Protein backbone atom coordinates (compact mmCIF):
# COMPACT_ATOMS: atom_id res chain seq x y z
CA MET A 1 -4.66 -24.02 -11.31
CA ASN A 2 -7.38 -21.49 -12.11
CA ASP A 3 -11.14 -21.91 -12.38
CA VAL A 4 -10.94 -22.55 -16.13
CA MET A 5 -8.98 -25.72 -15.34
CA THR A 6 -11.33 -27.16 -12.70
CA ASN A 7 -15.00 -27.93 -12.21
CA VAL A 8 -15.06 -26.33 -8.76
CA LYS A 9 -17.07 -23.12 -8.56
CA PRO A 10 -14.93 -20.74 -6.46
CA ALA A 11 -16.29 -17.92 -4.35
CA GLN A 12 -15.92 -14.38 -5.67
CA PRO A 13 -12.65 -12.87 -4.46
CA THR A 14 -12.81 -10.03 -1.97
CA ALA A 15 -9.54 -8.54 -3.24
CA THR A 16 -9.68 -5.97 -6.03
CA THR A 17 -7.55 -3.45 -7.88
CA PRO A 18 -9.51 -0.19 -7.76
CA GLY A 19 -9.64 1.44 -11.19
CA MET A 20 -8.47 -1.65 -13.09
CA ALA A 21 -10.16 -1.84 -16.48
CA GLY A 22 -11.92 -5.12 -17.30
CA GLN A 23 -11.77 -6.46 -13.76
CA ASP A 24 -15.51 -7.19 -13.77
CA LYS A 25 -15.09 -9.61 -16.70
CA LEU A 26 -12.56 -11.86 -14.97
CA THR A 27 -13.44 -15.21 -13.45
CA PRO A 28 -12.83 -15.57 -9.70
CA LEU A 29 -9.54 -17.46 -10.01
CA ALA A 30 -8.13 -15.66 -13.05
CA SER A 31 -4.82 -13.87 -12.67
CA ARG A 32 -5.03 -10.09 -12.51
CA TYR A 33 -2.52 -8.43 -14.86
CA VAL A 34 -2.41 -4.82 -13.76
CA ASP A 35 -1.36 -1.99 -16.08
CA VAL A 36 0.01 0.22 -13.31
CA ASP A 37 0.37 3.28 -15.58
CA ASP A 38 -3.42 3.23 -16.09
CA LEU A 39 -4.20 3.33 -12.36
CA PRO A 40 -4.92 6.73 -10.83
CA TRP A 41 -2.79 8.32 -8.13
CA LYS A 42 -4.99 9.14 -5.15
CA PRO A 43 -4.24 11.38 -2.18
CA THR A 44 -3.49 10.00 1.27
CA PRO A 45 -4.36 11.79 4.53
CA CYS A 46 -0.84 13.30 4.47
CA PRO A 47 -0.04 16.16 2.07
CA GLY A 48 2.62 15.36 -0.53
CA ILE A 49 2.05 11.59 -0.44
CA GLU A 50 -0.06 9.88 -3.11
CA MET A 51 -0.79 6.20 -3.69
CA LYS A 52 -1.74 3.77 -6.45
CA VAL A 53 -3.55 0.78 -4.97
CA LEU A 54 -2.33 -2.39 -6.70
CA VAL A 55 -4.49 -4.78 -4.67
CA GLU A 56 -6.68 -4.37 -1.63
CA ASP A 57 -8.97 -6.65 0.30
CA THR A 58 -11.24 -4.54 2.46
CA ALA A 59 -12.50 -7.69 4.21
CA THR A 60 -9.05 -8.58 5.59
CA GLY A 61 -7.19 -5.26 5.38
CA LEU A 62 -4.60 -6.53 2.90
CA LEU A 63 -3.15 -3.64 0.89
CA THR A 64 -0.30 -3.39 -1.63
CA ALA A 65 0.36 0.03 -3.11
CA LEU A 66 2.87 2.29 -4.77
CA PHE A 67 3.46 5.49 -2.81
CA ARG A 68 4.88 8.65 -4.35
CA TRP A 69 6.42 11.01 -1.80
CA GLN A 70 7.20 14.61 -2.69
CA PRO A 71 10.43 16.07 -1.25
CA GLY A 72 9.91 16.92 2.42
CA ALA A 73 6.63 14.97 2.74
CA GLU A 74 5.89 13.38 6.11
CA LEU A 75 3.66 10.50 7.11
CA THR A 76 2.55 11.63 10.57
CA LEU A 77 2.72 9.47 13.68
CA HIS A 78 1.03 6.13 13.00
CA GLU A 79 0.92 2.56 14.28
CA HIS A 80 1.51 -0.59 12.27
CA VAL A 81 -1.49 -2.77 13.09
CA GLU A 82 0.25 -5.75 11.45
CA ILE A 83 3.56 -6.21 9.63
CA GLU A 84 4.35 -3.59 6.99
CA GLN A 85 6.93 -4.16 4.26
CA THR A 86 8.44 -1.44 2.06
CA PHE A 87 10.83 -1.67 -0.88
CA VAL A 88 12.26 1.68 -2.01
CA LEU A 89 12.35 2.06 -5.80
CA GLU A 90 13.61 5.66 -5.88
CA GLY A 91 14.75 8.16 -3.24
CA SER A 92 14.66 7.37 0.46
CA LEU A 93 12.51 7.28 3.60
CA ALA A 94 13.77 8.15 7.06
CA ASP A 95 12.59 8.10 10.67
CA GLU A 96 14.17 8.21 14.11
CA GLU A 97 15.43 4.62 13.71
CA GLY A 98 17.22 5.02 10.39
CA GLU A 99 16.93 5.51 6.63
CA VAL A 100 16.05 3.12 3.81
CA THR A 101 17.40 4.05 0.37
CA ALA A 102 16.69 3.06 -3.25
CA GLY A 103 17.13 -0.66 -3.85
CA ASN A 104 16.69 -1.48 -0.15
CA TYR A 105 13.92 -2.84 2.03
CA VAL A 106 12.52 -2.28 5.50
CA TRP A 107 9.83 -4.11 7.43
CA ARG A 108 8.18 -3.09 10.64
CA PRO A 109 6.55 -5.37 13.20
CA LYS A 110 3.02 -5.15 14.50
CA GLY A 111 2.80 -2.37 17.08
CA ASN A 112 5.67 -0.28 15.69
CA ARG A 113 4.93 3.45 15.97
CA HIS A 114 6.79 6.18 14.12
CA ALA A 115 6.56 9.15 11.78
CA ALA A 116 8.32 8.81 8.42
CA ARG A 117 9.62 11.47 6.07
CA SER A 118 11.24 11.69 2.67
CA PRO A 119 13.82 14.47 2.54
CA ASN A 120 14.25 14.36 -1.26
CA GLY A 121 11.16 12.44 -2.42
CA ALA A 122 10.63 8.74 -3.00
CA LEU A 123 8.75 6.06 -4.89
CA VAL A 124 8.10 2.97 -2.77
CA LEU A 125 6.20 -0.30 -2.95
CA SER A 126 4.52 -1.07 0.37
CA MET A 127 2.62 -4.15 1.51
CA PHE A 128 0.34 -4.22 4.53
CA LEU A 129 -1.54 -7.09 6.14
CA LYS A 130 -3.73 -4.34 7.64
CA PRO A 131 -3.53 -0.59 7.01
CA ASN A 132 -1.68 1.71 9.39
CA ILE A 133 -3.71 3.73 11.90
CA PHE A 134 -2.85 7.40 12.37
CA LEU A 135 -2.34 8.63 15.94
CA THR A 136 -2.18 12.43 15.64
CA ASP A 137 -5.06 14.68 16.70
CA ASP A 138 -6.23 15.74 13.24
CA LYS A 139 -5.94 12.24 11.74
CA GLU A 140 -6.43 10.04 14.81
CA GLY A 141 -8.09 6.74 13.95
CA LEU A 142 -7.88 7.20 10.16
CA GLN A 143 -6.47 4.28 8.18
CA LEU A 144 -3.87 4.64 5.46
CA ARG A 145 -5.85 3.63 2.39
């Protein structure tokens, strides 16, 4: 049930889709239909990896995004602060534990640390309860967002 169907005045949501047209005109409980093609790709702290944020809640850390990896791109050593889930749409991702290929899924528990790479490029959908924290000298403490 959304706020059009009830007399309850809901609080404003803290989740948003950055760059989504018309978002400011929606009521708090309205569904958000996202035209993903219209969202901008933005750089991440790692060269060769860009992201489209589908939904993020900066108050809780929730983040769902598409990531586009160029061939040979690497996400440097980082820690998963909470569970991360990734579904590979195209290409593959690999690390020292294994490889996840197109049409497959991997999730990592809180506390998992690794560096990931994409030998031939990839397009993935990733969901985070909280963003990863980078651990390398030049990026130490930065969040993936």
